[in-house]
């Protein structure tokens, strides 16, 4: 059986990449198990509720599809499930007759608050209790760089798609 590569045997970029993948998978799994056990709430549902709880106004369904880590069809299924449990409402948009806006119900806000406490408690021993302020700030800087690069790439892709060209020919 082949042995696992050690950190010293891997290029730094590979080690960092696999570390991010491992951390994301591990933390998501930990939170998902805690949320399902305590609230019968999968982490994907929590993610949609997080976006809704962060907005003072109803959120267009299309914004949820573009903001979460879920596909638009997954968001639609999650919103259906949350609505069937009385946790969200869907209303026609006052700004766009073709759009629907989603908002947490009072029961949804209460469940989100309890679930957010559960999420924080589940993460503490494996994340926030282990990392100091400098670690958390470093992770935040890495995340912002990766997110900015993705946004820049999306802008570049959009400009090429619209026939505009950027940069030298």
N, C-alpha and C. Protein backbone atom coordinates (compact mmCIF):
# COMPACT_ATOMS: atom_id res chain seq x y z
N UNK A 1 0.85 -1.19 0.00
CA UNK A 1 0.00 0.00 0.00
C UNK A 1 0.89 1.24 0.00
N UNK A 2 0.60 2.19 -0.89
CA UNK A 2 1.42 3.40 -0.93
C UNK A 2 1.25 4.21 0.34
N UNK A 3 2.32 4.86 0.75
CA UNK A 3 2.24 5.69 1.95
C UNK A 3 1.72 7.07 1.60
N UNK A 4 1.14 7.73 2.58
CA UNK A 4 0.67 9.10 2.38
C UNK A 4 1.88 10.02 2.31
N UNK A 5 1.76 11.03 1.47
CA UNK A 5 2.82 12.04 1.41
C UNK A 5 2.78 12.88 2.68
N UNK A 6 3.94 13.23 3.14
CA UNK A 6 4.02 14.13 4.30
C UNK A 6 4.03 15.57 3.80
N UNK A 7 3.86 16.50 4.72
CA UNK A 7 3.89 17.91 4.36
C UNK A 7 5.21 18.26 3.67
N UNK A 8 6.33 17.71 4.19
CA UNK A 8 7.65 18.02 3.63
C UNK A 8 7.81 17.49 2.20
N UNK A 9 7.07 16.46 1.84
CA UNK A 9 7.18 15.86 0.51
C UNK A 9 6.25 16.50 -0.52
N UNK A 10 5.41 17.41 -0.09
CA UNK A 10 4.45 18.03 -1.00
C UNK A 10 4.86 19.47 -1.29
N UNK A 11 4.59 19.94 -2.50
CA UNK A 11 4.78 21.37 -2.75
C UNK A 11 3.87 22.17 -1.81
N UNK A 12 4.33 23.32 -1.38
CA UNK A 12 3.59 24.14 -0.41
C UNK A 12 2.18 24.45 -0.90
N UNK A 13 2.03 24.76 -2.19
CA UNK A 13 0.70 25.09 -2.72
C UNK A 13 -0.24 23.90 -2.64
N UNK A 14 0.27 22.69 -2.92
CA UNK A 14 -0.57 21.49 -2.83
C UNK A 14 -0.98 21.23 -1.39
N UNK A 15 -0.05 21.37 -0.47
CA UNK A 15 -0.35 21.14 0.94
C UNK A 15 -1.41 22.14 1.42
N UNK A 16 -1.24 23.40 1.04
CA UNK A 16 -2.20 24.43 1.45
C UNK A 16 -3.58 24.15 0.85
N UNK A 17 -3.62 23.78 -0.43
CA UNK A 17 -4.89 23.50 -1.09
C UNK A 17 -5.61 22.33 -0.41
N UNK A 18 -4.91 21.23 -0.21
CA UNK A 18 -5.55 20.08 0.42
C UNK A 18 -5.93 20.37 1.86
N UNK A 19 -5.17 21.24 2.51
CA UNK A 19 -5.53 21.66 3.86
C UNK A 19 -6.85 22.42 3.87
N UNK A 20 -7.03 23.32 2.90
CA UNK A 20 -8.29 24.05 2.80
C UNK A 20 -9.46 23.11 2.53
N UNK A 21 -9.25 22.17 1.61
CA UNK A 21 -10.31 21.20 1.29
C UNK A 21 -10.64 20.38 2.53
N UNK A 22 -9.61 19.87 3.20
CA UNK A 22 -9.83 19.06 4.40
C UNK A 22 -10.56 19.87 5.47
N UNK A 23 -10.11 21.10 5.72
CA UNK A 23 -10.73 21.92 6.76
C UNK A 23 -12.19 22.22 6.42
N UNK A 24 -12.46 22.58 5.18
CA UNK A 24 -13.83 22.87 4.78
C UNK A 24 -14.74 21.67 4.94
N UNK A 25 -14.26 20.52 4.49
CA UNK A 25 -15.06 19.29 4.60
C UNK A 25 -15.28 18.91 6.06
N UNK A 26 -14.23 18.98 6.84
CA UNK A 26 -14.30 18.59 8.25
C UNK A 26 -15.24 19.51 9.04
N UNK A 27 -15.11 20.81 8.85
CA UNK A 27 -15.95 21.75 9.58
C UNK A 27 -17.41 21.64 9.15
N UNK A 28 -17.63 21.51 7.84
CA UNK A 28 -19.00 21.39 7.33
C UNK A 28 -19.66 20.14 7.87
N UNK A 29 -18.93 19.03 7.87
CA UNK A 29 -19.48 17.77 8.39
C UNK A 29 -19.80 17.89 9.88
N UNK A 30 -18.91 18.51 10.62
CA UNK A 30 -19.12 18.69 12.06
C UNK A 30 -20.38 19.52 12.34
N UNK A 31 -20.52 20.63 11.61
CA UNK A 31 -21.68 21.50 11.79
C UNK A 31 -22.95 20.79 11.34
N UNK A 32 -22.89 20.11 10.20
CA UNK A 32 -24.08 19.42 9.68
C UNK A 32 -24.59 18.40 10.70
N UNK A 33 -23.69 17.60 11.25
CA UNK A 33 -24.12 16.59 12.23
C UNK A 33 -24.76 17.24 13.45
N UNK A 34 -24.18 18.32 13.94
CA UNK A 34 -24.72 18.99 15.12
C UNK A 34 -26.08 19.62 14.83
N UNK A 35 -26.22 20.25 13.67
CA UNK A 35 -27.49 20.89 13.32
C UNK A 35 -28.60 19.88 13.09
N UNK A 36 -28.28 18.78 12.42
CA UNK A 36 -29.30 17.75 12.18
C UNK A 36 -29.72 17.12 13.50
N UNK A 37 -28.76 16.83 14.35
CA UNK A 37 -29.09 16.19 15.64
C UNK A 37 -29.94 17.11 16.53
N UNK A 38 -29.55 18.38 16.61
CA UNK A 38 -30.23 19.29 17.54
C UNK A 38 -31.51 19.90 16.97
N UNK A 39 -31.55 20.09 15.63
CA UNK A 39 -32.66 20.87 15.07
C UNK A 39 -33.30 20.25 13.83
N UNK A 40 -32.83 19.07 13.44
CA UNK A 40 -33.29 18.45 12.19
C UNK A 40 -33.13 19.43 11.03
N UNK A 41 -31.96 20.07 10.98
CA UNK A 41 -31.69 21.15 10.04
C UNK A 41 -30.35 20.90 9.35
N UNK A 42 -30.36 20.42 8.11
CA UNK A 42 -29.10 20.21 7.39
C UNK A 42 -28.35 21.53 7.20
N UNK A 43 -27.05 21.44 7.08
CA UNK A 43 -26.22 22.64 6.94
C UNK A 43 -26.61 23.44 5.70
N UNK A 44 -27.07 22.81 4.64
CA UNK A 44 -27.50 23.56 3.45
C UNK A 44 -28.71 24.44 3.77
N UNK A 45 -29.61 23.95 4.59
CA UNK A 45 -30.76 24.75 5.01
C UNK A 45 -30.28 25.92 5.86
N UNK A 46 -29.34 25.64 6.76
CA UNK A 46 -28.79 26.67 7.63
C UNK A 46 -28.15 27.78 6.80
N UNK A 47 -27.43 27.39 5.74
CA UNK A 47 -26.77 28.39 4.90
C UNK A 47 -27.78 29.34 4.28
N UNK A 48 -28.88 28.83 3.77
CA UNK A 48 -29.92 29.68 3.19
C UNK A 48 -30.51 30.56 4.29
N UNK A 49 -30.78 29.98 5.45
CA UNK A 49 -31.34 30.76 6.55
C UNK A 49 -30.36 31.85 7.01
N UNK A 50 -29.07 31.58 6.95
CA UNK A 50 -28.06 32.57 7.33
C UNK A 50 -28.16 33.80 6.43
N UNK A 51 -28.28 33.59 5.12
CA UNK A 51 -28.42 34.71 4.20
C UNK A 51 -29.70 35.48 4.47
N UNK A 52 -30.78 34.76 4.74
CA UNK A 52 -32.06 35.41 5.01
C UNK A 52 -32.02 36.18 6.33
N UNK A 53 -31.40 35.59 7.35
CA UNK A 53 -31.32 36.25 8.66
C UNK A 53 -30.44 37.50 8.60
N UNK A 54 -29.50 37.53 7.67
CA UNK A 54 -28.59 38.67 7.55
C UNK A 54 -29.21 39.85 6.82
N UNK A 55 -30.37 39.64 6.22
CA UNK A 55 -31.01 40.70 5.44
C UNK A 55 -32.24 41.23 6.16
N UNK A 56 -32.33 42.56 6.28
CA UNK A 56 -33.50 43.13 6.95
C UNK A 56 -34.77 43.04 6.09
N UNK A 57 -34.59 42.80 4.79
CA UNK A 57 -35.73 42.72 3.86
C UNK A 57 -35.75 41.35 3.20
N UNK A 58 -36.89 40.97 2.62
CA UNK A 58 -36.92 39.71 1.87
C UNK A 58 -35.86 39.70 0.78
N UNK A 59 -35.35 38.52 0.48
CA UNK A 59 -34.25 38.35 -0.47
C UNK A 59 -34.78 37.70 -1.74
N UNK A 60 -34.49 38.30 -2.90
CA UNK A 60 -34.90 37.64 -4.15
C UNK A 60 -34.28 36.24 -4.24
N UNK A 61 -35.07 35.29 -4.70
CA UNK A 61 -34.58 33.92 -4.82
C UNK A 61 -33.33 33.85 -5.68
N UNK A 62 -33.25 34.68 -6.71
CA UNK A 62 -32.07 34.67 -7.57
C UNK A 62 -30.81 35.09 -6.82
N UNK A 63 -30.94 36.00 -5.87
CA UNK A 63 -29.80 36.42 -5.06
C UNK A 63 -29.33 35.26 -4.19
N UNK A 64 -30.26 34.51 -3.62
CA UNK A 64 -29.88 33.33 -2.83
C UNK A 64 -29.10 32.35 -3.70
N UNK A 65 -29.54 32.16 -4.93
CA UNK A 65 -28.87 31.24 -5.84
C UNK A 65 -27.47 31.69 -6.20
N UNK A 66 -27.25 33.00 -6.23
CA UNK A 66 -25.93 33.54 -6.56
C UNK A 66 -25.03 33.72 -5.35
N UNK A 67 -25.60 33.72 -4.16
CA UNK A 67 -24.84 34.03 -2.95
C UNK A 67 -24.36 32.81 -2.18
N UNK A 68 -25.14 31.76 -2.20
CA UNK A 68 -24.80 30.59 -1.40
C UNK A 68 -23.83 29.69 -2.17
N UNK A 69 -23.34 28.67 -1.51
CA UNK A 69 -22.49 27.67 -2.14
C UNK A 69 -23.31 26.61 -2.85
N UNK A 70 -24.62 26.79 -2.86
CA UNK A 70 -25.53 25.82 -3.46
C UNK A 70 -25.88 26.23 -4.89
N UNK A 71 -26.27 25.25 -5.69
CA UNK A 71 -26.76 25.56 -7.03
C UNK A 71 -28.14 26.19 -6.91
N UNK A 72 -28.59 26.82 -7.97
CA UNK A 72 -29.92 27.44 -7.94
C UNK A 72 -31.01 26.39 -7.71
N UNK A 73 -30.85 25.21 -8.31
CA UNK A 73 -31.87 24.17 -8.10
C UNK A 73 -31.84 23.68 -6.66
N UNK A 74 -30.64 23.59 -6.05
CA UNK A 74 -30.56 23.19 -4.64
C UNK A 74 -31.23 24.25 -3.76
N UNK A 75 -30.98 25.51 -4.06
CA UNK A 75 -31.61 26.59 -3.29
C UNK A 75 -33.12 26.48 -3.38
N UNK A 76 -33.63 26.22 -4.56
CA UNK A 76 -35.08 26.09 -4.75
C UNK A 76 -35.63 24.95 -3.90
N UNK A 77 -34.94 23.81 -3.88
CA UNK A 77 -35.39 22.67 -3.07
C UNK A 77 -35.31 22.98 -1.57
N UNK A 78 -34.25 23.68 -1.16
CA UNK A 78 -34.11 24.06 0.25
C UNK A 78 -35.24 25.02 0.65
N UNK A 79 -35.51 26.01 -0.19
CA UNK A 79 -36.59 26.97 0.12
C UNK A 79 -37.93 26.23 0.19
N UNK A 80 -38.16 25.29 -0.71
CA UNK A 80 -39.39 24.48 -0.65
C UNK A 80 -39.50 23.77 0.70
N UNK A 81 -38.40 23.14 1.12
CA UNK A 81 -38.41 22.40 2.39
C UNK A 81 -38.61 23.33 3.58
N UNK A 82 -37.93 24.47 3.56
CA UNK A 82 -38.08 25.43 4.66
C UNK A 82 -39.51 25.99 4.71
N UNK A 83 -40.08 26.22 3.54
CA UNK A 83 -41.46 26.73 3.48
C UNK A 83 -42.43 25.68 4.02
N UNK A 84 -42.20 24.42 3.67
CA UNK A 84 -43.11 23.37 4.15
C UNK A 84 -43.05 23.22 5.67
N UNK A 85 -41.95 23.62 6.28
CA UNK A 85 -41.82 23.59 7.74
C UNK A 85 -42.26 24.91 8.38
N UNK A 86 -42.73 25.85 7.57
CA UNK A 86 -43.19 27.13 8.12
C UNK A 86 -42.06 28.06 8.53
N UNK A 87 -40.87 27.87 7.98
CA UNK A 87 -39.71 28.65 8.39
C UNK A 87 -39.43 29.84 7.47
N UNK A 88 -39.96 29.79 6.24
CA UNK A 88 -39.80 30.91 5.30
C UNK A 88 -41.13 31.16 4.58
N UNK A 89 -41.23 32.35 4.04
CA UNK A 89 -42.35 32.69 3.16
C UNK A 89 -41.78 33.10 1.81
N UNK A 90 -42.58 32.88 0.80
CA UNK A 90 -42.26 33.35 -0.56
C UNK A 90 -43.34 34.34 -0.94
N UNK A 91 -42.92 35.49 -1.44
CA UNK A 91 -43.89 36.48 -1.89
C UNK A 91 -43.44 37.02 -3.24
N UNK A 92 -44.41 37.40 -4.10
CA UNK A 92 -44.04 38.02 -5.37
C UNK A 92 -43.27 39.32 -5.10
N UNK A 93 -42.27 39.58 -5.90
CA UNK A 93 -41.48 40.79 -5.73
C UNK A 93 -42.28 42.01 -6.16
N UNK A 94 -42.19 43.07 -5.37
CA UNK A 94 -42.83 44.33 -5.72
C UNK A 94 -42.04 45.04 -6.81
N UNK A 95 -40.77 44.69 -6.96
CA UNK A 95 -39.89 45.35 -7.94
C UNK A 95 -39.86 44.64 -9.29
N UNK A 96 -40.11 43.31 -9.27
CA UNK A 96 -40.00 42.53 -10.51
C UNK A 96 -41.06 41.43 -10.47
N UNK A 97 -42.06 41.56 -11.31
CA UNK A 97 -43.20 40.63 -11.30
C UNK A 97 -42.78 39.19 -11.60
N UNK A 98 -41.60 39.01 -12.22
CA UNK A 98 -41.14 37.66 -12.55
C UNK A 98 -40.38 37.02 -11.39
N UNK A 99 -40.11 37.80 -10.36
CA UNK A 99 -39.25 37.33 -9.26
C UNK A 99 -40.06 37.05 -7.99
N UNK A 100 -39.49 36.17 -7.19
CA UNK A 100 -40.06 35.84 -5.89
C UNK A 100 -39.05 36.21 -4.83
N UNK A 101 -39.54 36.73 -3.71
CA UNK A 101 -38.66 37.08 -2.60
C UNK A 101 -38.94 36.14 -1.43
N UNK A 102 -37.89 35.82 -0.71
CA UNK A 102 -37.96 34.86 0.39
C UNK A 102 -37.57 35.56 1.68
N UNK A 103 -38.29 35.26 2.75
CA UNK A 103 -38.00 35.83 4.07
C UNK A 103 -38.23 34.78 5.14
N UNK A 104 -37.49 34.90 6.23
CA UNK A 104 -37.72 34.03 7.38
C UNK A 104 -39.01 34.44 8.07
N UNK A 105 -39.74 33.46 8.55
CA UNK A 105 -40.90 33.71 9.39
C UNK A 105 -40.39 33.91 10.82
N UNK A 106 -41.23 34.36 11.74
CA UNK A 106 -40.80 34.42 13.14
C UNK A 106 -40.28 33.06 13.65
N UNK A 107 -40.95 31.98 13.27
CA UNK A 107 -40.47 30.65 13.66
C UNK A 107 -39.11 30.36 13.03
N UNK A 108 -38.91 30.81 11.79
CA UNK A 108 -37.63 30.63 11.12
C UNK A 108 -36.52 31.41 11.80
N UNK A 109 -36.83 32.63 12.23
CA UNK A 109 -35.83 33.44 12.94
C UNK A 109 -35.45 32.79 14.28
N UNK A 110 -36.45 32.27 14.97
CA UNK A 110 -36.18 31.62 16.26
C UNK A 110 -35.33 30.36 16.06
N UNK A 111 -35.68 29.55 15.08
CA UNK A 111 -34.89 28.35 14.81
C UNK A 111 -33.49 28.71 14.37
N UNK A 112 -33.36 29.74 13.52
CA UNK A 112 -32.03 30.16 13.09
C UNK A 112 -31.18 30.57 14.28
N UNK A 113 -31.72 31.34 15.20
CA UNK A 113 -30.96 31.79 16.37
C UNK A 113 -30.46 30.59 17.18
N UNK A 114 -31.33 29.62 17.39
CA UNK A 114 -30.93 28.42 18.15
C UNK A 114 -29.89 27.63 17.36
N UNK A 115 -30.10 27.50 16.06
CA UNK A 115 -29.16 26.73 15.22
C UNK A 115 -27.81 27.42 15.13
N UNK A 116 -27.81 28.75 15.10
CA UNK A 116 -26.54 29.48 15.04
C UNK A 116 -25.74 29.25 16.32
N UNK A 117 -26.42 29.20 17.45
CA UNK A 117 -25.73 28.87 18.71
C UNK A 117 -25.15 27.46 18.63
N UNK A 118 -25.92 26.52 18.11
CA UNK A 118 -25.44 25.15 17.95
C UNK A 118 -24.22 25.11 17.03
N UNK A 119 -24.27 25.86 15.93
CA UNK A 119 -23.14 25.92 14.99
C UNK A 119 -21.88 26.41 15.68
N UNK A 120 -22.01 27.48 16.43
CA UNK A 120 -20.84 28.04 17.13
C UNK A 120 -20.29 27.05 18.16
N UNK A 121 -21.19 26.38 18.88
CA UNK A 121 -20.75 25.40 19.87
C UNK A 121 -20.06 24.21 19.21
N UNK A 122 -20.55 23.79 18.05
CA UNK A 122 -19.95 22.66 17.34
C UNK A 122 -18.56 23.02 16.80
N UNK A 123 -18.39 24.26 16.37
CA UNK A 123 -17.11 24.68 15.80
C UNK A 123 -16.06 25.00 16.86
N UNK A 124 -16.49 25.42 18.03
CA UNK A 124 -15.54 25.90 19.04
C UNK A 124 -14.38 24.95 19.30
N UNK A 125 -14.62 23.68 19.65
CA UNK A 125 -13.47 22.83 20.01
C UNK A 125 -12.54 22.51 18.84
N UNK A 126 -13.04 22.61 17.62
CA UNK A 126 -12.22 22.24 16.46
C UNK A 126 -11.79 23.45 15.63
N UNK A 127 -12.17 24.64 16.05
CA UNK A 127 -11.85 25.82 15.25
C UNK A 127 -11.55 27.04 16.13
N UNK A 128 -12.59 27.69 16.63
CA UNK A 128 -12.39 28.97 17.31
C UNK A 128 -11.61 28.85 18.61
N UNK A 129 -11.73 27.73 19.33
CA UNK A 129 -10.95 27.56 20.55
C UNK A 129 -9.48 27.26 20.25
N UNK A 130 -9.20 26.76 19.07
CA UNK A 130 -7.82 26.39 18.70
C UNK A 130 -7.05 27.54 18.07
N UNK A 131 -7.76 28.46 17.45
CA UNK A 131 -7.11 29.53 16.70
C UNK A 131 -7.15 30.84 17.47
N UNK A 132 -6.04 31.57 17.40
CA UNK A 132 -6.03 32.87 18.05
C UNK A 132 -6.45 33.94 17.05
N UNK A 133 -6.49 35.18 17.50
CA UNK A 133 -6.94 36.29 16.66
C UNK A 133 -6.09 36.40 15.39
N UNK A 134 -4.76 36.24 15.53
CA UNK A 134 -3.88 36.33 14.36
C UNK A 134 -4.22 35.24 13.34
N UNK A 135 -4.49 34.01 13.82
CA UNK A 135 -4.85 32.92 12.91
C UNK A 135 -6.15 33.25 12.16
N UNK A 136 -7.14 33.71 12.90
CA UNK A 136 -8.43 34.02 12.29
C UNK A 136 -8.30 35.17 11.29
N UNK A 137 -7.50 36.18 11.63
CA UNK A 137 -7.29 37.29 10.70
C UNK A 137 -6.55 36.80 9.45
N UNK A 138 -5.58 35.90 9.61
CA UNK A 138 -4.85 35.35 8.46
C UNK A 138 -5.80 34.57 7.55
N UNK A 139 -6.66 33.76 8.15
CA UNK A 139 -7.64 33.03 7.34
C UNK A 139 -8.57 33.99 6.62
N UNK A 140 -8.96 35.05 7.30
CA UNK A 140 -9.82 36.06 6.67
C UNK A 140 -9.12 36.71 5.48
N UNK A 141 -7.82 37.01 5.62
CA UNK A 141 -7.07 37.61 4.50
C UNK A 141 -7.00 36.63 3.32
N UNK A 142 -6.75 35.36 3.60
CA UNK A 142 -6.68 34.36 2.54
C UNK A 142 -8.03 34.28 1.83
N UNK A 143 -9.11 34.20 2.60
CA UNK A 143 -10.45 34.10 2.03
C UNK A 143 -10.76 35.31 1.15
N UNK A 144 -10.43 36.53 1.65
CA UNK A 144 -10.70 37.73 0.87
C UNK A 144 -9.92 37.74 -0.45
N UNK A 145 -8.66 37.29 -0.42
CA UNK A 145 -7.85 37.22 -1.65
C UNK A 145 -8.47 36.24 -2.64
N UNK A 146 -8.85 35.07 -2.17
CA UNK A 146 -9.43 34.07 -3.06
C UNK A 146 -10.76 34.55 -3.62
N UNK A 147 -11.56 35.19 -2.79
CA UNK A 147 -12.86 35.69 -3.23
C UNK A 147 -12.68 36.84 -4.23
N UNK A 148 -11.73 37.73 -3.99
CA UNK A 148 -11.47 38.85 -4.91
C UNK A 148 -10.99 38.33 -6.26
N UNK A 149 -10.15 37.30 -6.25
CA UNK A 149 -9.67 36.71 -7.51
C UNK A 149 -10.84 36.09 -8.28
N UNK A 150 -11.73 35.44 -7.57
CA UNK A 150 -12.90 34.85 -8.24
C UNK A 150 -13.78 35.94 -8.85
N UNK A 151 -14.00 37.02 -8.10
CA UNK A 151 -14.82 38.12 -8.61
C UNK A 151 -14.16 38.77 -9.82
N UNK A 152 -12.86 38.95 -9.77
CA UNK A 152 -12.14 39.54 -10.90
C UNK A 152 -12.26 38.63 -12.13
N UNK A 153 -12.14 37.32 -11.92
CA UNK A 153 -12.28 36.38 -13.03
C UNK A 153 -13.70 36.42 -13.61
N UNK A 154 -14.69 36.52 -12.74
CA UNK A 154 -16.08 36.60 -13.21
C UNK A 154 -16.29 37.87 -14.02
N UNK A 155 -15.70 38.99 -13.55
CA UNK A 155 -15.81 40.25 -14.30
C UNK A 155 -15.13 40.12 -15.67
N UNK A 156 -13.97 39.48 -15.67
CA UNK A 156 -13.24 39.30 -16.93
C UNK A 156 -14.04 38.40 -17.87
N UNK A 157 -14.59 37.32 -17.34
CA UNK A 157 -15.40 36.41 -18.16
C UNK A 157 -16.62 37.14 -18.72
N UNK A 158 -17.24 37.98 -17.91
CA UNK A 158 -18.42 38.73 -18.36
C UNK A 158 -18.05 39.72 -19.45
N UNK A 159 -16.90 40.38 -19.30
CA UNK A 159 -16.51 41.36 -20.32
C UNK A 159 -16.16 40.68 -21.63
N UNK A 160 -15.56 39.50 -21.60
CA UNK A 160 -15.29 38.77 -22.83
C UNK A 160 -16.58 38.26 -23.45
N UNK A 161 -17.50 37.86 -22.61
CA UNK A 161 -18.79 37.36 -23.10
C UNK A 161 -19.63 38.43 -23.75
N UNK A 162 -19.42 39.68 -23.34
CA UNK A 162 -20.24 40.77 -23.92
C UNK A 162 -19.57 41.40 -25.12
N UNK A 163 -18.44 40.88 -25.54
CA UNK A 163 -17.77 41.40 -26.72
C UNK A 163 -16.73 42.45 -26.41
N UNK A 164 -16.68 42.93 -25.16
CA UNK A 164 -15.65 43.89 -24.78
C UNK A 164 -14.36 43.16 -24.50
N UNK A 165 -13.28 43.82 -24.75
CA UNK A 165 -11.98 43.21 -24.47
C UNK A 165 -11.24 44.08 -23.49
N UNK A 166 -10.53 43.44 -22.60
CA UNK A 166 -9.70 44.16 -21.65
C UNK A 166 -8.26 43.81 -21.92
N UNK A 167 -7.42 44.76 -21.65
CA UNK A 167 -6.00 44.48 -21.74
C UNK A 167 -5.49 44.51 -23.17
N UNK A 168 -4.20 44.24 -23.34
CA UNK A 168 -3.60 44.30 -24.66
C UNK A 168 -4.11 43.20 -25.57
N UNK A 169 -4.11 43.50 -26.86
CA UNK A 169 -4.56 42.50 -27.84
C UNK A 169 -3.46 41.55 -28.20
